[in-house]
Amino acid sequence: MASVNTLLMAMFERTREIGTMLAMGTPRIWIVALFMVEATLTGLFGAAVGVFGGNLLALRSMYRACTCRRRRDPTCPWPSRFCMYRG
């Protein structure tokens, strides 16, 4: 939903530019393609940031689980059996 909102705001902010491009004879499909490319790039960038951030959080959690000294430590998020994944 946020990506649709971003695309709509970009379109509403560029109403004058769209009108100028139409007045100059730019085909409507080119204008639609312009916004589709922008939406695609925004989505890909957001997905890449999300995957990178998720992997960082997962690695941090795994490291935290493997550095717990006691199994019954309330601050330890997982049991020690997950430490086999630590390189």
C-alpha atoms as a PDB file:
ATOM      1  CA  MET A   1       0.000   0.000   0.000  1.00  0.00           C
ATOM      2  CA  ALA A   2       2.844   2.367   0.722  1.00  0.00           C
ATOM      3  CA  SER A   3       4.297   1.889  -2.754  1.00  0.00           C
ATOM      4  CA  VAL A   4       0.950   2.799  -4.334  1.00  0.00           C
ATOM      5  CA  ASN A   5       0.826   5.921  -2.164  1.00  0.00           C
ATOM      6  CA  THR A   6       4.351   6.855  -3.236  1.00  0.00           C
ATOM      7  CA  LEU A   7       3.501   6.403  -6.902  1.00  0.00           C
ATOM      8  CA  LEU A   8       0.295   8.434  -6.622  1.00  0.00           C
ATOM      9  CA  MET A   9       2.084  11.274  -4.822  1.00  0.00           C
ATOM     10  CA  ALA A  10       4.763  11.334  -7.509  1.00  0.00           C
ATOM     11  CA  MET A  11       2.068  11.517 -10.152  1.00  0.00           C
ATOM     12  CA  PHE A  12       0.107  14.282  -8.401  1.00  0.00           C
ATOM     13  CA  GLU A  13       3.272  16.326  -7.798  1.00  0.00           C
ATOM     14  CA  ARG A  14       4.135  16.171 -11.500  1.00  0.00           C
ATOM     15  CA  THR A  15       0.762  17.157 -12.923  1.00  0.00           C
ATOM     16  CA  ARG A  16       2.194  20.191 -14.692  1.00  0.00           C
ATOM     17  CA  GLU A  17       5.115  18.258 -16.127  1.00  0.00           C
ATOM     18  CA  ILE A  18       2.751  15.561 -17.399  1.00  0.00           C
ATOM     19  CA  GLY A  19       0.595  18.232 -19.037  1.00  0.00           C
ATOM     20  CA  THR A  20       3.656  19.822 -20.643  1.00  0.00           C
ATOM     21  CA  MET A  21       4.821  16.463 -21.993  1.00  0.00           C
ATOM     22  CA  LEU A  22       1.354  15.770 -23.410  1.00  0.00           C
ATOM     23  CA  ALA A  23       1.226  19.238 -24.993  1.00  0.00           C
ATOM     24  CA  MET A  24       4.591  18.596 -26.634  1.00  0.00           C
ATOM     25  CA  GLY A  25       3.238  15.399 -28.189  1.00  0.00           C
ATOM     26  CA  THR A  26       4.664  12.725 -25.908  1.00  0.00           C
ATOM     27  CA  PRO A  27       2.595   9.537 -26.231  1.00  0.00           C
ATOM     28  CA  ARG A  28       0.626   8.593 -23.112  1.00  0.00           C
ATOM     29  CA  ILE A  29       2.244   5.163 -23.046  1.00  0.00           C
ATOM     30  CA  TRP A  30       5.663   6.797 -22.553  1.00  0.00           C
ATOM     31  CA  ILE A  31       4.378   8.717 -19.557  1.00  0.00           C
ATOM     32  CA  VAL A  32       2.832   5.573 -18.108  1.00  0.00           C
ATOM     33  CA  ALA A  33       6.098   3.712 -18.744  1.00  0.00           C
ATOM     34  CA  LEU A  34       8.005   6.472 -16.951  1.00  0.00           C
ATOM     35  CA  PHE A  35       5.947   5.970 -13.810  1.00  0.00           C
ATOM     36  CA  MET A  36       6.081   2.192 -14.088  1.00  0.00           C
ATOM     37  CA  VAL A  37       9.872   2.243 -14.297  1.00  0.00           C
ATOM     38  CA  GLU A  38      10.019   4.559 -11.295  1.00  0.00           C
ATOM     39  CA  ALA A  39       7.693   2.294  -9.306  1.00  0.00           C
ATOM     40  CA  THR A  40       9.694  -0.796 -10.270  1.00  0.00           C
ATOM     41  CA  LEU A  41      12.989   0.755  -9.231  1.00  0.00           C
ATOM     42  CA  THR A  42      11.508   1.989  -5.961  1.00  0.00           C
ATOM     43  CA  GLY A  43      10.126  -1.482  -5.236  1.00  0.00           C
ATOM     44  CA  LEU A  44      13.402  -3.216  -6.059  1.00  0.00           C
ATOM     45  CA  PHE A  45      15.363  -0.806  -3.891  1.00  0.00           C
ATOM     46  CA  GLY A  46      12.942  -1.300  -0.999  1.00  0.00           C
ATOM     47  CA  ALA A  47      13.123  -5.080  -1.358  1.00  0.00           C
ATOM     48  CA  ALA A  48      16.927  -5.029  -1.412  1.00  0.00           C
ATOM     49  CA  VAL A  49      17.067  -2.872   1.720  1.00  0.00           C
ATOM     50  CA  GLY A  50      14.544  -5.172   3.430  1.00  0.00           C
ATOM     51  CA  VAL A  51      16.457  -8.340   2.592  1.00  0.00           C
ATOM     52  CA  PHE A  52      19.761  -6.811   3.672  1.00  0.00           C
ATOM     53  CA  GLY A  53      18.304  -5.502   6.929  1.00  0.00           C
ATOM     54  CA  GLY A  54      16.564  -8.803   7.668  1.00  0.00           C
ATOM     55  CA  ASN A  55      19.779 -10.738   7.152  1.00  0.00           C
ATOM     56  CA  LEU A  56      21.658  -8.383   9.453  1.00  0.00           C
ATOM     57  CA  LEU A  57      19.045  -8.823  12.168  1.00  0.00           C
ATOM     58  CA  ALA A  58      19.094 -12.604  11.749  1.00  0.00           C
ATOM     59  CA  LEU A  59      22.888 -12.746  11.952  1.00  0.00           C
ATOM     60  CA  ARG A  60      22.881 -10.553  15.033  1.00  0.00           C
ATOM     61  CA  SER A  61      20.276 -12.758  16.694  1.00  0.00           C
ATOM     62  CA  MET A  62      22.204 -15.925  15.869  1.00  0.00           C
ATOM     63  CA  TYR A  63      25.400 -14.393  17.231  1.00  0.00           C
ATOM     64  CA  ARG A  64      23.563 -13.344  20.386  1.00  0.00           C
ATOM     65  CA  ALA A  65      22.161 -16.850  20.839  1.00  0.00           C
ATOM     66  CA  CYS A  66      25.591 -18.411  20.449  1.00  0.00           C
ATOM     67  CA  THR A  67      27.264 -16.123  22.949  1.00  0.00           C
ATOM     68  CA  CYS A  68      24.887 -16.967  25.809  1.00  0.00           C
ATOM     69  CA  ARG A  69      26.792 -18.716  28.568  1.00  0.00           C
ATOM     70  CA  ARG A  70      23.880 -20.342  30.364  1.00  0.00           C
ATOM     71  CA  ARG A  71      20.943 -22.117  28.773  1.00  0.00           C
ATOM     72  CA  ARG A  72      18.464 -20.760  31.326  1.00  0.00           C
ATOM     73  CA  ASP A  73      19.586 -17.147  30.937  1.00  0.00           C
ATOM     74  CA  PRO A  74      16.367 -15.089  30.439  1.00  0.00           C
ATOM     75  CA  THR A  75      18.146 -12.712  28.064  1.00  0.00           C
ATOM     76  CA  CYS A  76      19.208 -15.568  25.805  1.00  0.00           C
ATOM     77  CA  PRO A  77      16.720 -15.682  22.892  1.00  0.00           C
ATOM     78  CA  TRP A  78      17.263 -19.289  21.753  1.00  0.00           C
ATOM     79  CA  PRO A  79      18.729 -22.506  23.120  1.00  0.00           C
ATOM     80  CA  SER A  80      22.354 -23.285  22.477  1.00  0.00           C
ATOM     81  CA  ARG A  81      21.570 -25.882  19.812  1.00  0.00           C
ATOM     82  CA  PHE A  82      21.464 -23.125  17.192  1.00  0.00           C
ATOM     83  CA  CYS A  83      25.157 -22.459  17.713  1.00  0.00           C
ATOM     84  CA  MET A  84      26.051 -25.143  15.203  1.00  0.00           C
ATOM     85  CA  TYR A  85      25.332 -22.552  12.496  1.00  0.00           C
ATOM     86  CA  ARG A  86      27.985 -20.198  13.768  1.00  0.00           C
ATOM     87  CA  GLY A  87      31.059 -20.345  11.590  1.00  0.00           C
END
